[in-house]
Amino acid sequence: MKVLLVNGSSKNNGCTSVALSEVARALREEGIETETVFLGNQPFPDCTGCRKCREIGSAYSTI
């Protein structure tokens, strides 16, 4: 089994990272593989209300 830990904080070494590190450590002790993904510094544009997602049936981004 593998668990994906998602960190959405803009601070890579903040409280969320510390908490996720503890979760990852506990999971590894149980023999469970983990992967942590940092999303906080990724460019996620705000919705512009273009409704393109309705046309294509999934999220749409101009980036």
N, C-alpha and C. Protein backbone atom coordinates (compact mmCIF):
# COMPACT_ATOMS: atom_id res chain seq x y z
N MET A 1 0.85 -1.17 0.00
CA MET A 1 0.00 0.00 0.00
C MET A 1 0.89 1.23 0.00
N LYS A 2 0.42 2.28 -0.66
CA LYS A 2 1.13 3.55 -0.69
C LYS A 2 0.14 4.66 -0.37
N VAL A 3 0.57 5.59 0.49
CA VAL A 3 -0.28 6.71 0.89
C VAL A 3 0.33 8.00 0.33
N LEU A 4 -0.52 8.79 -0.31
CA LEU A 4 -0.10 10.08 -0.83
C LEU A 4 -0.49 11.16 0.17
N LEU A 5 0.50 11.90 0.65
CA LEU A 5 0.27 13.00 1.58
C LEU A 5 0.37 14.30 0.78
N VAL A 6 -0.64 15.13 0.87
CA VAL A 6 -0.70 16.37 0.08
C VAL A 6 -0.56 17.57 1.01
N ASN A 7 0.46 18.38 0.74
CA ASN A 7 0.70 19.59 1.51
C ASN A 7 0.35 20.79 0.64
N GLY A 8 -0.71 21.50 0.99
CA GLY A 8 -1.14 22.66 0.24
C GLY A 8 -0.65 23.97 0.82
N SER A 9 0.13 23.90 1.88
CA SER A 9 0.64 25.11 2.52
C SER A 9 1.70 25.78 1.65
N SER A 10 1.78 27.09 1.72
CA SER A 10 2.82 27.82 0.98
C SER A 10 4.16 27.77 1.71
N LYS A 11 4.17 27.25 2.93
CA LYS A 11 5.41 27.14 3.72
C LYS A 11 5.84 25.68 3.73
N ASN A 12 6.92 25.37 3.00
CA ASN A 12 7.37 23.99 2.90
C ASN A 12 7.85 23.40 4.22
N ASN A 13 8.26 24.22 5.17
CA ASN A 13 8.75 23.71 6.45
C ASN A 13 7.91 24.20 7.61
N GLY A 14 6.64 24.46 7.37
CA GLY A 14 5.75 24.95 8.41
C GLY A 14 5.10 23.83 9.21
N CYS A 15 4.07 24.18 9.93
CA CYS A 15 3.37 23.23 10.80
C CYS A 15 2.75 22.07 10.02
N THR A 16 2.23 22.35 8.84
CA THR A 16 1.63 21.29 8.03
C THR A 16 2.69 20.27 7.63
N SER A 17 3.87 20.74 7.26
CA SER A 17 4.97 19.83 6.91
C SER A 17 5.38 18.98 8.10
N VAL A 18 5.44 19.59 9.26
CA VAL A 18 5.80 18.84 10.47
C VAL A 18 4.76 17.76 10.74
N ALA A 19 3.49 18.13 10.65
CA ALA A 19 2.42 17.16 10.90
C ALA A 19 2.45 16.03 9.88
N LEU A 20 2.62 16.37 8.61
CA LEU A 20 2.67 15.33 7.57
C LEU A 20 3.90 14.45 7.73
N SER A 21 5.00 15.01 8.18
CA SER A 21 6.20 14.20 8.43
C SER A 21 5.95 13.19 9.53
N GLU A 22 5.24 13.59 10.56
CA GLU A 22 4.90 12.66 11.64
C GLU A 22 3.97 11.56 11.16
N VAL A 23 3.01 11.92 10.33
CA VAL A 23 2.10 10.92 9.76
C VAL A 23 2.89 9.95 8.90
N ALA A 24 3.78 10.48 8.06
CA ALA A 24 4.60 9.64 7.18
C ALA A 24 5.47 8.70 8.01
N ARG A 25 6.06 9.21 9.07
CA ARG A 25 6.91 8.38 9.93
C ARG A 25 6.11 7.23 10.54
N ALA A 26 4.93 7.54 11.06
CA ALA A 26 4.09 6.51 11.67
C ALA A 26 3.67 5.46 10.63
N LEU A 27 3.35 5.90 9.44
CA LEU A 27 2.97 4.96 8.38
C LEU A 27 4.14 4.08 7.98
N ARG A 28 5.33 4.67 7.85
CA ARG A 28 6.51 3.87 7.50
C ARG A 28 6.82 2.83 8.56
N GLU A 29 6.61 3.19 9.82
CA GLU A 29 6.82 2.22 10.91
C GLU A 29 5.90 1.02 10.78
N GLU A 30 4.76 1.21 10.13
CA GLU A 30 3.81 0.13 9.90
C GLU A 30 4.05 -0.56 8.55
N GLY A 31 5.13 -0.16 7.87
CA GLY A 31 5.47 -0.79 6.61
C GLY A 31 4.72 -0.23 5.41
N ILE A 32 4.16 0.95 5.57
CA ILE A 32 3.38 1.57 4.49
C ILE A 32 4.23 2.63 3.82
N GLU A 33 4.34 2.54 2.51
CA GLU A 33 5.10 3.51 1.72
C GLU A 33 4.33 4.83 1.64
N THR A 34 5.07 5.94 1.66
CA THR A 34 4.42 7.25 1.57
C THR A 34 5.11 8.10 0.51
N GLU A 35 4.36 9.06 0.01
CA GLU A 35 4.90 10.08 -0.89
C GLU A 35 4.22 11.39 -0.51
N THR A 36 5.02 12.44 -0.37
CA THR A 36 4.48 13.76 -0.04
C THR A 36 4.60 14.67 -1.25
N VAL A 37 3.51 15.34 -1.58
CA VAL A 37 3.48 16.28 -2.69
C VAL A 37 3.22 17.67 -2.13
N PHE A 38 4.04 18.64 -2.55
CA PHE A 38 3.89 20.02 -2.11
C PHE A 38 3.20 20.82 -3.21
N LEU A 39 2.03 21.35 -2.92
CA LEU A 39 1.26 22.11 -3.90
C LEU A 39 1.24 23.61 -3.62
N GLY A 40 1.69 24.02 -2.46
CA GLY A 40 1.56 25.41 -2.03
C GLY A 40 2.21 26.43 -2.92
N ASN A 41 3.26 26.05 -3.63
CA ASN A 41 3.96 27.01 -4.49
C ASN A 41 3.59 26.85 -5.96
N GLN A 42 2.61 26.04 -6.25
CA GLN A 42 2.18 25.82 -7.63
C GLN A 42 1.19 26.91 -8.05
N PRO A 43 1.23 27.30 -9.33
CA PRO A 43 0.29 28.33 -9.80
C PRO A 43 -1.09 27.74 -10.06
N PHE A 44 -2.03 28.05 -9.21
CA PHE A 44 -3.41 27.62 -9.40
C PHE A 44 -4.25 28.86 -9.65
N PRO A 45 -4.62 29.10 -10.89
CA PRO A 45 -5.39 30.32 -11.19
C PRO A 45 -6.80 30.25 -10.62
N ASP A 46 -7.32 31.40 -10.29
CA ASP A 46 -8.70 31.48 -9.81
C ASP A 46 -9.67 31.23 -10.95
N CYS A 47 -10.85 30.80 -10.59
CA CYS A 47 -11.91 30.62 -11.58
C CYS A 47 -12.28 31.98 -12.17
N THR A 48 -12.40 32.02 -13.50
CA THR A 48 -12.77 33.26 -14.17
C THR A 48 -14.23 33.28 -14.59
N GLY A 49 -14.93 32.17 -14.33
CA GLY A 49 -16.34 32.09 -14.68
C GLY A 49 -16.59 31.88 -16.16
N CYS A 50 -15.60 31.35 -16.88
CA CYS A 50 -15.75 31.18 -18.33
C CYS A 50 -16.64 29.98 -18.68
N ARG A 51 -16.88 29.10 -17.73
CA ARG A 51 -17.72 27.91 -17.88
C ARG A 51 -17.17 26.89 -18.87
N LYS A 52 -15.89 27.02 -19.24
CA LYS A 52 -15.26 26.06 -20.14
C LYS A 52 -15.28 24.66 -19.54
N CYS A 53 -15.19 24.57 -18.23
CA CYS A 53 -15.22 23.26 -17.56
C CYS A 53 -16.53 22.53 -17.83
N ARG A 54 -17.60 23.27 -17.99
CA ARG A 54 -18.90 22.66 -18.32
C ARG A 54 -18.88 22.06 -19.72
N GLU A 55 -18.19 22.73 -20.64
CA GLU A 55 -18.11 22.25 -22.02
C GLU A 55 -17.28 20.97 -22.13
N ILE A 56 -16.13 20.95 -21.43
CA ILE A 56 -15.22 19.82 -21.59
C ILE A 56 -15.40 18.75 -20.52
N GLY A 57 -16.16 19.04 -19.48
CA GLY A 57 -16.45 18.03 -18.46
C GLY A 57 -15.38 17.83 -17.41
N SER A 58 -14.41 18.74 -17.34
CA SER A 58 -13.39 18.66 -16.29
C SER A 58 -12.82 20.06 -16.06
N ALA A 59 -11.94 20.15 -15.07
CA ALA A 59 -11.34 21.44 -14.75
C ALA A 59 -10.60 21.99 -15.96
N TYR A 60 -10.61 23.29 -16.08
CA TYR A 60 -9.97 23.97 -17.21
C TYR A 60 -9.10 25.09 -16.68
N SER A 61 -7.91 25.20 -17.25
CA SER A 61 -7.00 26.27 -16.84
C SER A 61 -6.36 26.87 -18.08
N THR A 62 -6.10 28.16 -18.02
CA THR A 62 -5.46 28.84 -19.14
C THR A 62 -3.95 28.82 -19.02
N ILE A 63 -3.40 28.24 -17.94
CA ILE A 63 -1.93 28.21 -17.81
C ILE A 63 -1.36 26.99 -18.47
